Protein backbone atom coordinates (compact mmCIF):
# COMPACT_ATOMS: atom_id res chain seq x y z
CA MET A 1 75.40 -148.80 -79.47
CA SER A 2 74.77 -145.48 -81.25
CA LYS A 3 73.94 -142.14 -79.63
CA ASN A 4 70.39 -142.27 -81.07
CA THR A 5 69.74 -145.65 -79.45
CA VAL A 6 70.88 -144.34 -76.04
CA VAL A 7 68.74 -141.18 -76.39
CA PHE A 8 65.69 -143.34 -77.16
CA ALA A 9 66.41 -146.04 -74.55
CA VAL A 10 66.82 -143.69 -71.56
CA PRO A 11 63.34 -142.03 -71.84
CA LEU A 12 61.77 -145.42 -72.52
CA ALA A 13 63.38 -146.87 -69.40
CA LEU A 14 62.14 -143.89 -67.36
CA LEU A 15 58.59 -144.44 -68.63
CA VAL A 16 58.71 -148.12 -67.67
CA VAL A 17 60.03 -147.32 -64.17
CA ALA A 18 57.45 -144.53 -63.66
CA GLY A 19 54.62 -146.80 -64.84
CA ALA A 20 55.69 -149.59 -62.51
CA TYR A 21 55.92 -147.14 -59.60
CA PHE A 22 52.42 -145.76 -60.30
CA PHE A 23 50.94 -149.26 -60.64
CA MET A 24 52.49 -150.37 -57.34
CA GLN A 25 51.28 -147.23 -55.52
CA SER A 26 47.66 -147.44 -56.71
CA PRO A 27 45.64 -149.91 -54.57
CA PRO A 28 43.22 -152.22 -56.35
CA ALA A 29 39.66 -150.91 -56.64
CA GLU A 30 38.48 -153.32 -53.92
CA GLU A 31 40.94 -151.82 -51.43
CA LYS A 32 39.74 -148.29 -52.24
CA GLY A 33 36.16 -149.30 -51.47
CA ASP A 34 34.97 -148.87 -55.05
CA ILE A 35 32.25 -151.14 -56.31
CA VAL A 36 33.98 -153.37 -58.82
CA SER A 37 30.96 -155.51 -59.65
CA ASN A 38 27.20 -155.21 -59.42
CA MET A 39 26.81 -158.97 -58.98
CA ILE A 40 27.14 -160.80 -55.68
CA VAL A 41 27.20 -164.48 -54.87
CA ILE A 42 25.82 -165.78 -51.57
CA GLU A 43 27.01 -169.32 -50.87
CA THR A 44 24.71 -171.07 -48.39
CA ASP A 45 24.16 -174.54 -46.94
CA LYS A 46 21.33 -174.98 -49.43
CA GLY A 47 23.10 -173.69 -52.56
CA ILE A 48 24.03 -170.50 -54.35
CA ILE A 49 22.06 -167.27 -54.59
CA LYS A 50 23.17 -164.60 -57.07
CA ALA A 51 21.92 -161.04 -56.97
CA GLU A 52 22.42 -157.85 -58.93
CA LEU A 53 23.14 -154.80 -56.80
CA ARG A 54 21.62 -151.43 -57.78
CA PRO A 55 23.98 -148.58 -56.81
CA ASP A 56 22.05 -146.32 -59.21
CA ALA A 57 19.08 -146.39 -56.82
CA ALA A 58 20.75 -146.97 -53.43
CA PRO A 59 24.42 -145.93 -53.63
CA LYS A 60 25.12 -145.58 -49.88
CA THR A 61 23.34 -148.83 -49.07
CA VAL A 62 25.24 -150.73 -51.78
CA LYS A 63 28.55 -149.24 -50.64
CA ASN A 64 27.86 -150.23 -47.02
CA PHE A 65 26.97 -153.78 -48.11
CA THR A 66 29.94 -154.21 -50.46
CA ASP A 67 32.32 -152.81 -47.83
CA LEU A 68 31.07 -155.49 -45.42
CA VAL A 69 31.38 -158.14 -48.14
CA GLY A 70 34.96 -156.98 -48.82
CA ARG A 71 35.78 -157.35 -45.11
CA LYS A 72 34.26 -160.88 -45.16
CA PHE A 73 31.89 -159.72 -42.42
CA TYR A 74 29.08 -162.06 -43.54
CA ASP A 75 31.18 -165.20 -43.98
CA GLY A 76 30.06 -167.85 -41.49
CA LEU A 77 27.00 -165.99 -40.19
CA THR A 78 23.53 -167.55 -40.27
CA PHE A 79 20.05 -166.78 -41.48
CA HIS A 80 18.58 -166.03 -38.06
CA ARG A 81 15.05 -165.23 -39.29
CA VAL A 82 12.98 -167.19 -41.79
CA GLU A 83 9.35 -166.34 -42.37
CA PRO A 84 7.73 -168.57 -45.03
CA ASN A 85 6.16 -166.60 -47.88
CA PHE A 86 7.70 -163.41 -46.48
CA VAL A 87 11.51 -163.13 -45.98
CA ILE A 88 14.78 -164.77 -45.07
CA GLN A 89 17.08 -162.54 -43.02
CA GLY A 90 20.78 -162.74 -42.17
CA GLY A 91 23.82 -160.62 -41.46
CA ASP A 92 23.63 -160.49 -37.66
CA PRO A 93 26.93 -161.38 -35.96
CA LYS A 94 25.04 -162.24 -32.75
CA GLY A 95 22.65 -164.55 -34.62
CA ASP A 96 19.57 -163.40 -32.71
CA GLY A 97 18.44 -160.28 -34.60
CA THR A 98 20.10 -157.75 -32.27
CA GLY A 99 23.60 -157.50 -33.76
CA ASP A 100 25.11 -155.09 -36.22
CA SER A 101 28.42 -154.04 -37.79
CA GLY A 102 28.99 -151.06 -35.51
CA ALA A 103 28.02 -148.54 -38.20
CA THR A 104 24.70 -147.49 -39.71
CA VAL A 105 23.51 -146.28 -43.09
CA PRO A 106 20.58 -143.92 -43.70
CA LEU A 107 17.34 -145.14 -45.23
CA GLU A 108 17.68 -144.45 -48.93
CA ILE A 109 14.79 -144.80 -51.36
CA LYS A 110 14.68 -143.74 -54.99
CA CYS A 111 11.23 -142.95 -56.35
CA GLN A 112 10.14 -143.81 -59.87
CA ASP A 113 10.41 -140.10 -60.76
CA GLY A 114 14.16 -140.26 -59.98
CA THR A 115 14.08 -138.40 -56.66
CA ILE A 116 16.19 -140.05 -53.94
CA TYR A 117 15.03 -139.56 -50.35
CA GLU A 118 17.33 -140.13 -47.42
CA GLY A 119 16.57 -140.65 -43.77
CA GLN A 120 12.79 -140.88 -44.03
CA THR A 121 10.09 -143.25 -45.13
CA VAL A 122 8.25 -142.22 -48.29
CA SER A 123 4.94 -142.86 -50.01
CA CYS A 124 6.09 -142.45 -53.63
CA PRO A 125 6.15 -145.47 -55.94
CA PRO A 126 9.72 -146.78 -55.48
CA ALA A 127 12.09 -147.43 -58.36
CA LEU A 128 12.99 -150.70 -56.58
CA PRO A 129 9.81 -152.26 -55.18
CA HIS A 130 9.65 -155.27 -52.89
CA ARG A 131 8.95 -157.83 -55.61
CA ASP A 132 9.87 -161.51 -55.31
CA GLY A 133 13.60 -161.79 -54.62
CA ALA A 134 14.18 -158.19 -53.50
CA LEU A 135 17.42 -157.72 -51.53
CA ALA A 136 16.94 -155.07 -48.85
CA MET A 137 18.33 -153.79 -45.56
CA ALA A 138 16.64 -154.67 -42.28
CA ARG A 139 16.46 -151.98 -39.63
CA ALA A 140 14.92 -151.08 -36.27
CA GLN A 141 12.25 -148.38 -35.71
CA ASP A 142 14.68 -145.60 -36.62
CA PRO A 143 14.78 -145.25 -40.44
CA ASN A 144 18.53 -144.63 -40.17
CA SER A 145 19.38 -147.75 -38.15
CA ALA A 146 20.23 -150.20 -40.97
CA SER A 147 23.68 -151.70 -40.45
CA SER A 148 24.54 -155.22 -41.59
CA GLN A 149 21.32 -157.22 -41.48
CA PHE A 150 19.71 -157.82 -44.86
CA TYR A 151 16.71 -159.74 -46.08
CA ILE A 152 15.46 -161.31 -49.29
CA THR A 153 11.74 -161.32 -49.98
CA ILE A 154 9.81 -164.46 -50.76
CA GLY A 155 7.04 -163.23 -53.02
CA GLU A 156 5.94 -159.63 -53.48
CA GLN A 157 5.78 -157.60 -50.24
CA LYS A 158 4.37 -154.23 -51.38
CA PHE A 159 3.54 -153.07 -47.85
CA LEU A 160 7.31 -152.73 -47.20
CA ASP A 161 7.75 -150.28 -50.11
CA GLY A 162 8.92 -146.85 -49.00
CA ASN A 163 9.90 -148.12 -45.55
CA TYR A 164 13.01 -150.23 -46.24
CA ALA A 165 15.89 -149.79 -48.70
CA VAL A 166 15.81 -152.30 -51.53
CA PHE A 167 19.28 -152.35 -53.10
CA GLY A 168 19.16 -155.30 -55.49
CA TYR A 169 17.36 -158.35 -56.79
CA VAL A 170 18.05 -162.08 -56.88
CA THR A 171 18.86 -163.13 -60.44
CA GLN A 172 19.56 -166.80 -59.74
CA GLY A 173 18.68 -169.13 -56.87
CA LEU A 174 15.15 -168.16 -55.84
CA GLU A 175 14.59 -171.86 -55.18
CA VAL A 176 17.52 -171.69 -52.73
CA VAL A 177 15.95 -168.65 -51.02
CA ARG A 178 12.75 -170.66 -50.56
CA ALA A 179 14.70 -173.65 -49.18
CA ILE A 180 16.61 -171.69 -46.50
CA GLU A 181 15.76 -172.61 -42.93
CA ARG A 182 16.49 -170.75 -39.72
CA GLY A 183 20.10 -171.40 -38.69
CA ASP A 184 21.35 -172.19 -42.20
CA SER A 185 24.81 -170.79 -42.79
CA ILE A 186 25.98 -168.01 -45.06
CA GLN A 187 29.21 -169.73 -45.98
CA ARG A 188 30.46 -166.65 -47.79
CA ILE A 189 29.40 -163.67 -49.84
CA TYR A 190 31.59 -162.23 -52.57
CA LEU A 191 31.47 -159.96 -55.58
CA GLU A 192 31.38 -161.84 -58.85
């Protein structure tokens, strides 16, 4: 082996070792809480629902939801509320509409003009209206009480606009949304 080969091989070996060390020290994006996909899959007793999340319009709401998805919080819960021609609602660990994840997220609504309001209801036309298949966070009277419960609209529900945070839309499986009955299981939710 010549001197030139050794001089070249040593720095190359150091680069390989340093790269491996960096790769092993850096947690995957999912562990850091970053959103790695804007698409979610909800597997239910009645079939699959796919939805596109909109972090551009509701970043804190999407992060809260994807963090819960990453923790498998929703897996095995039920749709505890079903109102025909209105909404299906799930995400309550108690199964009766009173449970939450132990943390809350502020009401977050982006208006069509690009302004994002936090912590208050608004009357502006929202960037994400409650059209058929809207994915939004349920909450109590307090605008900042959303936690883990979410709903999907069945048909347009304009009267909810400005009062609840829409954070995505169903892209596949609206027929499944319409088939869900109270007590049906959310087998699992995951990022696609």
